[in-house]
Amino acid sequence: MIWEALAAEPDRHLSVAEVTERVRARVPHVTPSTVYRTLDVLVEAGLALRTDLGGDRVFYEPAREHPHHHLVCERCGAVRHVHDDVLGDLRGRIDARTGYALAPREITLFGTCPDCRGAE
């Protein structure tokens, strides 16, 4: 049921509280600790991704064949996916300039979304 909660909304980032709420609709006695442990198992198995967006904002989503990165609005908290094609050869440029070879993991960038920028 925990996997089903994630898979039902594959483009959303769900918190443990949101997953727990969805599972409790079917199994009212499920505890957040059970959800945490199960999500950890799904992450270790490569089926789910854990994304730490800072400030106690940890989200889970199904793993995808195409890795993606996250843009996070510092004002409203909106999260948007961005793929490697948008970042271009960022990994290669970092390697060339610093000698660091970035791990094949997601990158989280913080800024201001168009809605919040338009409200200025």
Protein backbone atom coordinates (compact mmCIF):
# COMPACT_ATOMS: atom_id res chain seq x y z
CA MET A 1 0.00 0.00 0.00
CA ILE A 2 2.91 2.33 0.64
CA TRP A 3 4.27 1.64 -2.83
CA GLU A 4 0.79 2.15 -4.27
CA ALA A 5 0.58 5.56 -2.58
CA LEU A 6 3.81 6.62 -4.31
CA ALA A 7 3.00 5.05 -7.65
CA ALA A 8 -0.49 6.57 -7.77
CA GLU A 9 1.02 10.05 -8.17
CA PRO A 10 4.39 9.47 -9.84
CA ASP A 11 5.00 13.15 -10.58
CA ARG A 12 4.42 14.27 -6.99
CA HIS A 13 6.87 14.38 -4.13
CA LEU A 14 5.15 12.92 -1.08
CA SER A 15 6.16 13.43 2.52
CA VAL A 16 5.95 10.63 5.06
CA ALA A 17 2.86 12.36 6.49
CA GLU A 18 1.18 12.36 3.07
CA VAL A 19 2.02 8.71 2.45
CA THR A 20 0.78 7.80 5.93
CA GLU A 21 -2.49 9.67 5.31
CA ARG A 22 -3.10 7.81 2.04
CA VAL A 23 -2.35 4.42 3.59
CA ARG A 24 -4.51 5.18 6.65
CA ALA A 25 -7.49 5.56 4.33
CA ARG A 26 -7.26 1.78 3.89
CA VAL A 27 -5.43 0.72 7.07
CA PRO A 28 -6.27 3.19 9.86
CA HIS A 29 -3.75 1.80 12.38
CA VAL A 30 -0.59 2.22 10.26
CA THR A 31 2.07 4.27 12.03
CA PRO A 32 4.49 6.81 10.55
CA SER A 33 7.40 4.65 11.75
CA THR A 34 6.12 1.75 9.63
CA VAL A 35 5.90 4.10 6.66
CA TYR A 36 9.45 5.42 7.28
CA ARG A 37 10.89 1.90 7.50
CA THR A 38 9.08 0.73 4.39
CA LEU A 39 10.11 3.81 2.41
CA ASP A 40 13.73 3.17 3.46
CA VAL A 41 13.44 -0.39 2.12
CA LEU A 42 12.00 0.92 -1.18
CA VAL A 43 14.86 3.43 -1.47
CA GLU A 44 17.50 0.77 -0.72
CA ALA A 45 15.92 -1.50 -3.36
CA GLY A 46 16.15 1.32 -5.92
CA LEU A 47 12.37 1.54 -6.34
CA ALA A 48 11.92 4.95 -4.71
CA LEU A 49 13.96 8.12 -4.35
CA ARG A 50 14.40 10.12 -1.17
CA THR A 51 14.86 13.81 -1.81
CA ASP A 52 15.96 16.12 0.98
CA LEU A 53 14.90 19.64 0.07
CA GLY A 54 16.21 21.23 3.25
CA GLY A 55 14.40 22.56 6.27
CA ASP A 56 12.95 19.22 7.36
CA ARG A 57 11.44 18.80 3.89
CA VAL A 58 12.04 15.18 2.90
CA PHE A 59 10.02 13.74 0.06
CA TYR A 60 9.69 10.40 -1.67
CA GLU A 61 8.79 9.49 -5.23
CA PRO A 62 9.05 6.44 -7.47
CA ALA A 63 12.48 6.01 -9.08
CA ARG A 64 12.54 6.71 -12.80
CA GLU A 65 14.58 5.44 -15.70
CA HIS A 66 15.52 9.02 -16.53
CA PRO A 67 17.26 10.75 -13.64
CA HIS A 68 16.03 14.24 -12.91
CA HIS A 69 16.90 17.14 -10.69
CA HIS A 70 14.78 19.49 -8.61
CA LEU A 71 14.10 23.21 -8.68
CA VAL A 72 12.70 24.41 -5.35
CA CYS A 73 11.06 27.79 -4.80
CA GLU A 74 12.42 29.34 -1.61
CA ARG A 75 9.23 31.37 -1.17
CA CYS A 76 6.29 29.01 -1.76
CA GLY A 77 8.06 25.62 -1.65
CA ALA A 78 6.95 24.54 -5.14
CA VAL A 79 9.08 21.76 -6.61
CA ARG A 80 9.68 21.21 -10.31
CA HIS A 81 11.62 18.50 -12.12
CA VAL A 82 14.37 19.43 -14.55
CA HIS A 83 16.30 16.96 -16.70
CA ASP A 84 19.95 16.79 -17.72
CA ASP A 85 19.25 18.34 -21.12
CA VAL A 86 18.31 21.61 -19.40
CA LEU A 87 21.53 21.61 -17.34
CA GLY A 88 23.62 20.85 -20.40
CA ASP A 89 27.14 19.63 -19.71
CA LEU A 90 27.20 20.88 -16.12
CA ARG A 91 28.93 17.74 -14.85
CA GLY A 92 31.63 18.01 -17.52
CA ARG A 93 32.18 21.72 -16.85
CA ILE A 94 32.52 21.13 -13.12
CA ASP A 95 34.98 18.32 -13.74
CA ALA A 96 37.02 20.45 -16.16
CA ARG A 97 37.19 23.44 -13.81
CA THR A 98 37.57 21.73 -10.44
CA GLY A 99 38.63 18.15 -11.07
CA TYR A 100 35.56 16.92 -9.19
CA ALA A 101 33.63 14.15 -10.88
CA LEU A 102 30.04 14.49 -9.73
CA ALA A 103 28.26 11.33 -8.70
CA PRO A 104 25.29 10.36 -10.87
CA ARG A 105 22.80 11.73 -8.38
CA GLU A 106 20.13 14.35 -8.45
CA ILE A 107 20.94 18.00 -7.94
CA THR A 108 18.64 20.35 -6.06
CA LEU A 109 18.68 24.02 -6.99
CA PHE A 110 16.90 26.71 -4.99
CA GLY A 111 15.47 29.92 -6.36
CA THR A 112 12.19 31.71 -7.00
CA CYS A 113 9.43 30.23 -9.17
CA PRO A 114 7.69 32.24 -11.90
CA ASP A 115 4.52 32.65 -9.81
CA CYS A 116 6.41 34.17 -6.88
CA ARG A 117 8.58 36.32 -9.13
CA GLY A 118 5.44 37.67 -10.80
CA ALA A 119 4.03 38.65 -7.40
CA GLU A 120 6.93 41.00 -6.67
